[in-house]
Protein backbone atom coordinates (compact mmCIF):
# COMPACT_ATOMS: atom_id res chain seq x y z
CA UNK A 1 57.51 3.04 -9.62
CA UNK A 2 56.07 3.63 -6.13
CA UNK A 3 52.79 5.36 -5.90
CA UNK A 4 53.03 9.00 -5.63
CA UNK A 5 52.17 12.53 -6.95
CA UNK A 6 53.55 15.18 -9.13
CA UNK A 7 53.17 19.00 -9.13
CA UNK A 8 52.87 20.84 -12.44
CA UNK A 9 52.83 24.64 -12.73
CA UNK A 10 51.37 26.67 -15.44
CA UNK A 11 52.94 30.09 -14.89
CA UNK A 12 51.13 32.52 -17.13
CA UNK A 13 51.27 36.23 -17.89
CA UNK A 14 48.62 37.15 -15.27
CA UNK A 15 49.39 34.56 -12.58
CA UNK A 16 50.63 31.09 -11.62
CA UNK A 17 48.47 27.90 -11.21
CA UNK A 18 49.95 24.92 -9.39
CA UNK A 19 48.23 21.52 -9.91
CA UNK A 20 48.88 18.42 -7.89
CA UNK A 21 48.13 15.18 -9.74
CA UNK A 22 48.55 11.48 -9.14
CA UNK A 23 50.57 9.29 -11.60
CA UNK A 24 47.35 8.51 -13.48
CA UNK A 25 46.98 12.14 -14.43
CA UNK A 26 44.01 12.76 -12.07
CA UNK A 27 43.85 16.26 -10.64
CA UNK A 28 43.90 16.24 -6.83
CA UNK A 29 44.14 19.94 -5.97
CA UNK A 30 44.98 23.26 -7.70
CA UNK A 31 45.79 26.66 -6.50
CA UNK A 32 46.12 30.06 -8.43
CA UNK A 33 47.81 33.32 -7.53
CA UNK A 34 47.88 36.38 -9.74
CA UNK A 35 50.61 39.04 -10.17
CA UNK A 36 50.72 42.31 -12.05
CA UNK A 37 52.10 43.64 -15.29
CA UNK A 38 53.82 47.01 -15.08
CA UNK A 39 53.01 49.38 -18.16
CA UNK A 40 55.25 52.38 -18.85
CA UNK A 41 55.53 54.93 -21.66
CA UNK A 42 57.27 53.88 -24.91
CA UNK A 43 55.67 50.52 -25.18
CA UNK A 44 57.40 49.24 -22.09
CA UNK A 45 55.83 46.29 -20.20
CA UNK A 46 57.70 44.54 -17.43
CA UNK A 47 57.02 41.97 -14.65
CA UNK A 48 58.80 41.47 -11.42
CA UNK A 49 60.46 38.00 -11.26
CA UNK A 50 60.39 38.00 -7.59
CA UNK A 51 56.65 38.35 -7.55
CA UNK A 52 56.34 35.55 -9.98
CA UNK A 53 58.59 33.22 -7.93
CA UNK A 54 56.72 34.15 -4.79
CA UNK A 55 53.51 33.01 -6.46
CA UNK A 56 55.09 29.76 -7.58
CA UNK A 57 56.37 29.09 -4.05
CA UNK A 58 53.12 29.93 -2.42
CA UNK A 59 50.81 27.97 -4.76
CA UNK A 60 53.16 24.95 -4.31
CA UNK A 61 52.89 25.16 -0.51
CA UNK A 62 49.13 25.55 -0.65
CA UNK A 63 48.51 22.62 -2.97
CA UNK A 64 50.57 20.40 -0.64
CA UNK A 65 48.71 21.72 2.34
CA UNK A 66 45.14 21.42 1.13
CA UNK A 67 45.70 17.99 -0.42
CA UNK A 68 47.16 16.48 2.71
CA UNK A 69 49.90 14.94 0.57
CA UNK A 70 53.34 14.39 2.26
CA UNK A 71 56.09 16.18 0.51
CA UNK A 72 58.06 12.98 0.48
CA UNK A 73 55.35 11.45 -1.75
CA UNK A 74 55.87 14.10 -4.44
CA UNK A 75 57.86 12.29 -7.22
CA UNK A 76 58.71 15.27 -9.28
CA UNK A 77 57.84 18.78 -10.32
CA UNK A 78 57.61 20.49 -13.72
CA UNK A 79 57.01 24.09 -14.88
CA UNK A 80 55.45 25.46 -17.98
CA UNK A 81 55.38 29.23 -18.30
CA UNK A 82 54.84 32.11 -20.61
CA UNK A 83 57.63 32.75 -23.19
CA UNK A 84 59.24 35.41 -25.32
CA UNK A 85 60.27 37.42 -22.27
CA UNK A 86 63.83 38.56 -21.51
CA UNK A 87 65.40 38.55 -18.01
CA UNK A 88 69.19 39.29 -17.57
CA UNK A 89 70.67 37.82 -14.40
CA UNK A 90 74.13 38.04 -12.84
CA UNK A 91 76.38 35.12 -11.84
CA UNK A 92 74.36 34.54 -8.73
CA UNK A 93 71.13 34.38 -10.69
CA UNK A 94 69.97 37.76 -9.36
CA UNK A 95 67.78 39.66 -11.83
CA UNK A 96 69.33 42.85 -12.96
CA UNK A 97 66.24 44.70 -14.22
CA UNK A 98 62.62 43.49 -14.09
CA UNK A 99 61.73 41.00 -16.73
CA UNK A 100 60.94 42.48 -20.04
CA UNK A 101 57.48 41.06 -20.94
CA UNK A 102 56.60 39.45 -24.20
CA UNK A 103 54.00 42.26 -24.52
CA UNK A 104 56.78 44.90 -24.58
CA UNK A 105 57.43 46.75 -27.82
CA UNK A 106 60.25 49.10 -26.87
CA UNK A 107 62.53 47.34 -29.32
CA UNK A 108 60.55 48.20 -32.55
CA UNK A 109 63.53 50.05 -34.10
CA UNK A 110 65.77 46.96 -33.66
CA UNK A 111 63.16 44.76 -35.13
CA UNK A 112 62.81 47.02 -38.22
CA UNK A 113 66.64 47.13 -38.55
CA UNK A 114 66.63 43.29 -38.71
CA UNK A 115 64.01 43.34 -41.36
CA UNK A 116 65.52 46.21 -43.40
CA UNK A 117 69.10 44.79 -43.20
CA UNK A 118 68.05 41.29 -44.62
CA UNK A 119 69.25 39.68 -41.30
CA UNK A 120 65.77 38.02 -41.10
CA UNK A 121 66.81 35.76 -43.95
CA UNK A 122 69.75 34.33 -41.95
CA UNK A 123 67.61 33.93 -38.82
CA UNK A 124 64.93 32.02 -40.87
CA UNK A 125 67.44 29.73 -42.43
CA UNK A 126 68.41 28.26 -39.05
CA UNK A 127 65.21 28.70 -36.92
CA UNK A 128 62.39 28.83 -39.38
CA UNK A 129 61.27 32.19 -37.83
CA UNK A 130 61.70 35.92 -38.34
CA UNK A 131 61.51 38.16 -35.25
CA UNK A 132 59.18 41.06 -34.46
CA UNK A 133 59.49 43.68 -31.80
CA UNK A 134 57.75 41.32 -29.41
CA UNK A 135 60.51 38.69 -29.81
CA UNK A 136 63.62 38.08 -27.80
CA UNK A 137 66.34 38.96 -30.34
CA UNK A 138 65.18 42.67 -30.62
CA UNK A 139 64.94 42.86 -26.83
CA UNK A 140 68.47 41.58 -26.43
CA UNK A 141 69.76 44.08 -28.98
CA UNK A 142 67.93 46.92 -27.21
CA UNK A 143 69.42 45.94 -23.93
CA UNK A 144 72.87 45.70 -25.40
CA UNK A 145 72.57 49.18 -27.00
CA UNK A 146 70.50 51.12 -24.52
CA UNK A 147 71.45 49.69 -21.20
CA UNK A 148 75.29 48.88 -21.50
CA UNK A 149 75.48 49.16 -17.67
CA UNK A 150 73.22 46.11 -17.39
CA UNK A 151 74.64 44.26 -20.34
CA UNK A 152 78.10 44.44 -18.71
CA UNK A 153 76.85 42.71 -15.61
CA UNK A 154 74.80 40.06 -17.42
CA UNK A 155 75.73 36.51 -16.96
CA UNK A 156 72.83 34.65 -18.43
CA UNK A 157 69.91 35.75 -20.59
CA UNK A 158 66.82 33.95 -19.33
CA UNK A 159 63.09 33.56 -20.07
CA UNK A 160 60.41 33.19 -17.23
CA UNK A 161 60.50 29.33 -16.85
CA UNK A 162 64.33 29.36 -16.92
CA UNK A 163 64.45 31.73 -14.02
CA UNK A 164 61.98 29.57 -12.07
CA UNK A 165 64.12 26.45 -12.84
CA UNK A 166 67.15 28.37 -11.51
CA UNK A 167 65.22 29.18 -8.26
CA UNK A 168 64.38 25.51 -7.75
CA UNK A 169 67.65 23.90 -8.78
CA UNK A 170 70.48 26.63 -8.98
CA UNK A 171 70.99 25.64 -12.63
CA UNK A 172 70.78 27.72 -15.70
CA UNK A 173 69.08 25.51 -18.32
CA UNK A 174 66.24 25.52 -20.86
CA UNK A 175 64.47 22.92 -23.02
CA UNK A 176 64.66 22.70 -26.79
CA UNK A 177 61.20 24.25 -27.06
CA UNK A 178 62.13 27.10 -24.74
CA UNK A 179 65.34 27.68 -26.73
CA UNK A 180 63.59 27.69 -29.95
CA UNK A 181 61.50 30.77 -29.01
CA UNK A 182 64.67 32.81 -28.74
CA UNK A 183 65.03 32.50 -32.50
CA UNK A 184 68.73 31.86 -31.89
CA UNK A 185 68.40 28.13 -31.81
CA UNK A 186 69.05 25.80 -34.76
CA UNK A 187 65.84 23.73 -34.51
CA UNK A 188 67.26 20.94 -36.77
CA UNK A 189 70.61 20.52 -35.11
CA UNK A 190 69.30 21.27 -31.49
CA UNK A 191 71.99 23.77 -30.70
CA UNK A 192 72.37 27.54 -30.40
CA UNK A 193 73.29 29.00 -33.76
CA UNK A 194 76.74 30.22 -33.67
CA UNK A 195 76.11 31.77 -37.11
CA UNK A 196 73.20 33.85 -35.88
CA UNK A 197 74.78 34.83 -32.48
CA UNK A 198 78.01 35.89 -34.20
CA UNK A 199 76.17 38.01 -36.82
CA UNK A 200 74.08 39.73 -34.01
CA UNK A 201 76.98 40.04 -31.56
CA UNK A 202 75.20 37.96 -28.83
CA UNK A 203 77.65 35.66 -26.93
CA UNK A 204 76.45 32.05 -26.95
CA UNK A 205 77.92 31.84 -23.40
CA UNK A 206 75.18 34.18 -22.23
CA UNK A 207 72.45 31.62 -23.20
CA UNK A 208 71.36 28.77 -21.00
CA UNK A 209 72.32 25.21 -21.63
CA UNK A 210 69.78 23.18 -23.61
CA UNK A 211 68.23 19.78 -23.09
CA UNK A 212 65.18 17.84 -24.12
CA UNK A 213 62.03 18.67 -22.13
CA UNK A 214 62.00 15.28 -20.42
CA UNK A 215 65.29 15.81 -18.78
CA UNK A 216 65.61 15.68 -14.94
CA UNK A 217 67.56 18.85 -14.82
CA UNK A 218 68.28 18.80 -11.06
CA UNK A 219 66.90 18.62 -7.59
CA UNK A 220 65.04 21.00 -5.26
CA UNK A 221 67.65 22.81 -3.18
CA UNK A 222 67.43 23.28 0.56
CA UNK A 223 66.65 26.98 0.08
CA UNK A 224 63.84 26.21 -2.48
CA UNK A 225 62.59 23.55 -0.18
CA UNK A 226 62.11 26.06 2.60
CA UNK A 227 60.31 28.44 0.35
CA UNK A 228 58.03 25.95 -1.57
CA UNK A 229 57.37 23.20 1.04
CA UNK A 230 58.82 20.58 -1.29
CA UNK A 231 61.29 18.06 0.05
CA UNK A 232 64.85 18.83 -0.70
CA UNK A 233 66.05 16.48 -3.33
CA UNK A 234 62.79 16.25 -5.27
CA UNK A 235 63.45 15.71 -8.99
CA UNK A 236 62.79 18.95 -11.17
CA UNK A 237 61.92 18.07 -14.70
CA UNK A 238 62.73 20.70 -17.31
CA UNK A 239 59.38 20.48 -19.21
CA UNK A 240 58.54 23.22 -21.76
CA UNK A 241 56.81 26.59 -22.39
CA UNK A 242 53.18 27.25 -22.71
CA UNK A 243 52.74 26.42 -26.40
CA UNK A 244 54.36 23.01 -26.15
CA UNK A 245 52.56 22.25 -22.84
CA UNK A 246 49.24 23.06 -24.41
CA UNK A 247 50.07 20.95 -27.48
CA UNK A 248 50.82 17.99 -25.23
CA UNK A 249 48.00 18.65 -22.69
CA UNK A 250 45.35 19.01 -25.41
CA UNK A 251 46.09 15.54 -26.73
CA UNK A 252 47.40 16.75 -29.99
CA UNK A 253 50.76 15.00 -30.33
CA UNK A 254 50.34 12.62 -33.23
CA UNK A 255 51.43 13.84 -36.71
CA UNK A 256 49.11 16.51 -38.13
CA UNK A 257 47.01 16.81 -35.04
CA UNK A 258 46.00 20.36 -34.05
CA UNK A 259 44.81 22.33 -31.06
CA UNK A 260 43.29 25.80 -30.61
CA UNK A 261 44.12 27.66 -27.45
CA UNK A 262 41.72 30.58 -26.67
CA UNK A 263 43.49 32.16 -23.83
CA UNK A 264 44.88 35.63 -23.14
CA UNK A 265 47.06 35.09 -26.10
CA UNK A 266 45.44 32.78 -28.70
CA UNK A 267 46.93 30.30 -31.23
CA UNK A 268 46.56 27.33 -33.38
CA UNK A 269 49.29 24.57 -33.19
CA UNK A 270 50.05 21.53 -35.24
CA UNK A 271 52.41 18.62 -34.38
CA UNK A 272 54.61 17.60 -37.22
CA UNK A 273 57.86 15.98 -38.07
CA UNK A 274 58.31 18.18 -41.13
CA UNK A 275 59.38 21.83 -41.28
CA UNK A 276 57.04 23.63 -43.61
CA UNK A 277 56.71 27.42 -43.46
CA UNK A 278 56.49 30.69 -45.37
CA UNK A 279 59.84 32.42 -45.79
CA UNK A 280 58.22 35.85 -46.06
CA UNK A 281 55.70 35.81 -43.23
CA UNK A 282 56.48 32.64 -41.39
CA UNK A 283 54.29 31.03 -38.70
CA UNK A 284 56.02 29.97 -35.52
CA UNK A 285 58.38 26.92 -36.12
CA UNK A 286 59.12 25.67 -32.65
CA UNK A 287 60.57 22.46 -31.24
CA UNK A 288 57.95 20.19 -29.55
CA UNK A 289 58.28 18.65 -26.13
CA UNK A 290 58.64 15.39 -28.21
CA UNK A 291 62.29 15.62 -29.32
CA UNK A 292 61.20 14.05 -32.71
CA UNK A 293 58.67 16.68 -33.61
CA UNK A 294 58.14 20.38 -34.28
CA UNK A 295 55.10 22.67 -33.55
CA UNK A 296 54.01 24.92 -36.34
CA UNK A 297 51.82 27.54 -34.84
CA UNK A 298 50.05 30.66 -35.72
CA UNK A 299 49.47 33.04 -32.78
CA UNK A 300 47.47 36.14 -32.21
CA UNK A 301 48.41 38.43 -29.34
CA UNK A 302 45.17 39.45 -27.75
CA UNK A 303 42.50 36.85 -28.34
CA UNK A 304 41.04 36.23 -24.89
CA UNK A 305 42.95 39.32 -23.96
CA UNK A 306 40.49 41.27 -26.10
CA UNK A 307 37.43 40.19 -24.10
CA UNK A 308 39.45 40.78 -20.91
CA UNK A 309 40.06 44.34 -22.14
CA UNK A 310 36.39 44.82 -22.96
CA UNK A 311 35.38 43.39 -19.56
CA UNK A 312 37.63 45.97 -17.94
CA UNK A 313 35.62 48.76 -19.47
CA UNK A 314 32.46 47.51 -17.83
CA UNK A 315 33.68 45.98 -14.59
CA UNK A 316 34.24 47.68 -11.21
CA UNK A 317 36.99 45.20 -10.29
CA UNK A 318 37.05 42.40 -7.77
CA UNK A 319 36.62 38.72 -8.49
CA UNK A 320 32.80 38.60 -8.18
CA UNK A 321 32.51 41.82 -10.26
CA UNK A 322 34.77 40.29 -13.01
CA UNK A 323 32.84 37.06 -13.11
CA UNK A 324 29.57 38.83 -13.35
CA UNK A 325 30.97 41.10 -16.05
CA UNK A 326 32.03 38.18 -18.20
CA UNK A 327 28.64 36.51 -17.70
CA UNK A 328 26.85 39.71 -18.56
CA UNK A 329 28.81 40.29 -21.65
CA UNK A 330 28.27 36.59 -22.77
CA UNK A 331 24.57 36.82 -22.12
CA UNK A 332 24.17 40.16 -23.97
CA UNK A 333 26.20 38.86 -26.93
CA UNK A 334 23.91 35.86 -27.28
CA UNK A 335 21.03 38.12 -28.00
CA UNK A 336 22.85 39.67 -30.97
CA UNK A 337 22.51 38.24 -34.50
CA UNK A 338 25.37 36.65 -36.40
CA UNK A 339 27.70 39.44 -37.76
CA UNK A 340 26.93 41.93 -34.89
CA UNK A 341 24.71 44.01 -37.27
CA UNK A 342 27.79 45.04 -39.32
CA UNK A 343 30.13 45.83 -36.44
CA UNK A 344 33.52 44.44 -37.08
CA UNK A 345 36.27 44.19 -34.41
CA UNK A 346 40.00 43.98 -35.34
CA UNK A 347 41.75 42.45 -32.33
CA UNK A 348 45.29 43.89 -32.82
CA UNK A 349 45.61 45.62 -29.50
CA UNK A 350 49.14 44.80 -29.12
CA UNK A 351 50.41 44.43 -32.66
CA UNK A 352 49.83 41.10 -34.41
CA UNK A 353 51.85 38.09 -35.26
CA UNK A 354 50.30 35.53 -37.57
CA UNK A 355 49.80 35.85 -40.37
CA UNK A 356 50.90 39.44 -40.85
CA UNK A 357 54.00 39.90 -38.56
CA UNK A 358 53.06 43.41 -37.88
CA UNK A 359 54.13 45.05 -34.65
CA UNK A 360 52.51 48.39 -35.75
CA UNK A 361 48.93 46.95 -36.03
CA UNK A 362 46.42 48.44 -33.59
CA UNK A 363 42.84 47.36 -32.76
CA UNK A 364 39.79 48.95 -34.31
CA UNK A 365 35.98 48.73 -34.41
CA UNK A 366 34.59 49.37 -37.88
CA UNK A 367 30.94 49.95 -38.79
CA UNK A 368 29.97 51.47 -35.56
CA UNK A 369 26.44 53.12 -35.47
CA UNK A 370 24.01 54.55 -32.97
CA UNK A 371 22.20 51.17 -32.84
CA UNK A 372 25.14 49.33 -31.45
CA UNK A 373 25.21 48.54 -27.69
CA UNK A 374 27.35 46.59 -25.23
CA UNK A 375 26.04 43.26 -26.49
CA UNK A 376 27.16 44.15 -30.05
CA UNK A 377 30.61 45.02 -28.75
CA UNK A 378 30.96 41.75 -26.92
CA UNK A 379 29.75 39.63 -29.83
CA UNK A 380 31.91 41.56 -32.35
CA UNK A 381 35.02 40.99 -30.06
CA UNK A 382 34.28 37.26 -30.07
CA UNK A 383 33.78 37.29 -33.90
CA UNK A 384 36.84 39.45 -34.56
CA UNK A 385 39.06 36.95 -32.66
CA UNK A 386 37.50 34.09 -34.63
CA UNK A 387 38.27 35.97 -37.96
CA UNK A 388 41.92 36.18 -37.00
CA UNK A 389 41.87 32.49 -36.21
CA UNK A 390 40.30 31.86 -39.61
CA UNK A 391 43.08 33.93 -41.23
CA UNK A 392 45.66 31.89 -39.31
CA UNK A 393 44.03 28.62 -40.39
CA UNK A 394 44.09 29.61 -44.04
CA UNK A 395 47.72 30.47 -43.72
CA UNK A 396 48.53 27.16 -42.26
CA UNK A 397 46.63 25.41 -45.06
CA UNK A 398 48.78 27.34 -47.55
CA UNK A 399 51.93 25.89 -45.81
CA UNK A 400 50.55 22.35 -45.95
CA UNK A 401 48.55 22.02 -42.68
CA UNK A 402 44.87 21.82 -43.55
CA UNK A 403 42.85 21.79 -40.23
CA UNK A 404 39.42 20.22 -40.26
CA UNK A 405 39.22 19.47 -36.53
CA UNK A 406 41.20 20.67 -33.43
CA UNK A 407 41.26 19.97 -29.76
CA UNK A 408 40.07 23.22 -28.00
CA UNK A 409 41.44 24.58 -24.69
CA UNK A 410 41.68 27.76 -22.75
CA UNK A 411 39.26 29.92 -20.84
CA UNK A 412 37.39 31.17 -23.94
CA UNK A 413 36.31 27.58 -24.57
CA UNK A 414 34.35 27.54 -21.35
CA UNK A 415 32.00 30.12 -22.82
CA UNK A 416 28.58 29.07 -23.90
CA UNK A 417 28.78 31.25 -27.10
CA UNK A 418 32.42 31.73 -28.12
CA UNK A 419 33.37 28.17 -29.26
CA UNK A 420 30.31 28.05 -31.57
CA UNK A 421 31.41 31.40 -33.04
CA UNK A 422 34.98 30.11 -33.63
CA UNK A 423 33.71 26.90 -35.23
CA UNK A 424 31.13 28.72 -37.38
CA UNK A 425 33.70 31.34 -38.58
CA UNK A 426 36.63 28.95 -39.17
CA UNK A 427 34.68 25.84 -40.27
CA UNK A 428 36.78 23.78 -37.89
CA UNK A 429 35.22 21.02 -35.72
CA UNK A 430 36.16 21.74 -32.08
CA UNK A 431 36.77 19.01 -29.53
CA UNK A 432 36.65 20.79 -26.23
CA UNK A 433 38.74 18.88 -23.72
CA UNK A 434 37.53 17.74 -20.27
CA UNK A 435 39.72 20.19 -18.49
CA UNK A 436 40.31 23.17 -20.89
CA UNK A 437 41.70 25.46 -18.32
CA UNK A 438 44.21 22.91 -17.07
CA UNK A 439 45.79 21.88 -20.45
CA UNK A 440 49.10 23.57 -19.73
CA UNK A 441 49.44 21.97 -16.39
CA UNK A 442 48.33 18.57 -17.70
CA UNK A 443 50.89 18.81 -20.64
CA UNK A 444 53.50 19.68 -18.05
CA UNK A 445 52.37 16.68 -15.86
CA UNK A 446 52.47 14.30 -18.80
CA UNK A 447 56.06 15.40 -19.62
CA UNK A 448 57.03 14.83 -16.02
CA UNK A 449 55.52 11.33 -16.21
CA UNK A 450 57.52 10.58 -19.37
CA UNK A 451 60.66 11.71 -17.66
CA UNK A 452 60.04 9.50 -14.67
CA UNK A 453 59.32 6.55 -16.87
CA UNK A 454 55.56 6.25 -16.13
CA UNK A 455 54.51 6.94 -19.73
CA UNK A 456 56.46 5.75 -22.73
CA UNK A 457 55.66 8.29 -25.44
CA UNK A 458 53.95 11.63 -26.15
CA UNK A 459 51.54 10.12 -28.73
CA UNK A 460 50.32 7.81 -26.01
CA UNK A 461 49.00 10.90 -24.19
CA UNK A 462 46.46 11.64 -26.93
CA UNK A 463 44.07 8.88 -25.88
CA UNK A 464 44.36 9.83 -22.21
CA UNK A 465 42.98 13.35 -22.71
CA UNK A 466 39.15 13.20 -22.71
CA UNK A 467 36.70 15.37 -24.71
CA UNK A 468 33.64 16.96 -22.91
CA UNK A 469 31.88 18.11 -25.97
CA UNK A 470 32.14 18.66 -29.72
CA UNK A 471 31.10 21.77 -31.53
CA UNK A 472 30.27 21.47 -35.19
CA UNK A 473 30.22 24.52 -37.59
CA UNK A 474 26.84 25.75 -38.66
CA UNK A 475 26.82 25.88 -42.59
CA UNK A 476 24.51 28.89 -42.78
CA UNK A 477 26.55 30.74 -40.20
CA UNK A 478 29.74 29.85 -41.98
CA UNK A 479 28.50 31.36 -45.26
CA UNK A 480 27.46 34.57 -43.56
CA UNK A 481 30.71 34.91 -41.63
CA UNK A 482 32.79 34.34 -44.82
CA UNK A 483 31.41 37.49 -46.28
CA UNK A 484 32.27 39.46 -43.09
CA UNK A 485 35.71 37.80 -43.23
CA UNK A 486 36.42 39.28 -46.63
CA UNK A 487 35.68 42.69 -45.26
CA UNK A 488 37.82 42.00 -42.14
CA UNK A 489 40.85 41.31 -44.31
CA UNK A 490 40.25 44.35 -46.49
CA UNK A 491 40.16 46.46 -43.31
CA UNK A 492 43.61 45.40 -42.36
CA UNK A 493 45.04 46.33 -45.80
CA UNK A 494 43.42 49.71 -45.60
CA UNK A 495 44.46 50.42 -42.10
CA UNK A 496 47.98 49.10 -42.33
CA UNK A 497 49.68 52.42 -43.55
CA UNK A 498 47.53 54.35 -40.96
CA UNK A 499 48.90 52.24 -38.19
CA UNK A 500 52.58 53.14 -39.16
CA UNK A 501 51.59 56.79 -39.56
CA UNK A 502 50.07 56.84 -36.00
CA UNK A 503 53.25 55.17 -34.67
CA UNK A 504 55.46 57.77 -36.25
CA UNK A 505 53.27 60.50 -34.70
CA UNK A 506 53.69 58.91 -31.26
CA UNK A 507 57.42 58.80 -31.71
CA UNK A 508 57.58 55.06 -31.08
CA UNK A 509 60.13 54.60 -33.87
CA UNK A 510 62.01 57.75 -33.83
CA UNK A 511 64.99 56.30 -31.95
CA UNK A 512 66.16 52.85 -30.61
CA UNK A 513 65.47 53.95 -27.12
């Protein structure tokens, strides 16, 4: 293959990052642009797909411009993106409403109906998953019931990446990993489950066509060329969503290898060829970018998002203020003893997935006294996120995936303090990658290179991903944290009925709308 470059996008909840790499996987240039979330009453959270596409187009133009690379030397482009969103579009690919975010909980009543009707058992049989209000199925059912005007005009039901693929190529398509997060996809037979779709009244024809992540799905159109600066005809590789991209980019593709992503959302993922899960409270069972594997993952909704929330309470806004706020919180947390002098934080700010599958869960600080200051709050947030990761790791061990070491990625892993807390709480040895902030883009780039024939397998990627430092758990801290973790789990059990009571008082579950 001739020498050239590839562009990989990591399109997250808060913004899009475009990374230009050579065919050896070396990063040449990167650009980032943010975009907003729109919060509304009733648990509604949306994003404007046009704002997301504009960010993708602009970051693409900028990395081409600052690198000095000729568009004709770009061999291919791939996109990874946030998942579990819902975007109905018409026949021309025009969004009908704004994209319903994965953070949206307007469909709680429909998720409860699935649970109470026993429909979850059917969904689990084919997908290995059971939906909560954050998932796509309840969102679709809400759309069908509460917005029939939009439903009647809907031609395809897309996620974020799938919309971007359409804007680049004019094709409605998703990869097997992206399809599996709909919880409508038979992860064994690699097809949409007619059984589930029929039972729920969701036409299979509304869902995008599915292919392996290494598929060259099309070429950059003339219109997309004008908007992005890419050469028309540039190959577009389907790639995969953020969890699979992180699994690949962290170098965790061999059987049983795990990674921990400490980002806005936070998770532990394991590569495996065997489906093992809990039928009552399942972890995520998702197709891998590698067509021969699955990813079993346990996700918490607001890991890094918890510290972002806390930072917002003390920051005046602006990039410099935000950076100094994070540094200040980290510095103050370092001066606080293990256990935050009895202050325990529960990071359930937006409901919680693993291992509780509880969309009613809410955040809490427990043990607060007059002696606690900002540093205690910061350290307690870091510890609380680590407690939830420990709970997830224990659940994964119960399902047959014992994790002793893991590749570590995400913004939280750039902290001086937080990786040590995670390792001490969980007992897991962390291998922090050389580019923890770029893992999603690197995973996307590696998938593109496999599609173009430069690399021959996903497992060959593992040795290409370097490790900058290793964090070992401290035995003494582990023992101290284990005692606090016992209290942490007890807190959830005590507060669980209160969460539902609060929700009823707010009227979130009084009616489907």
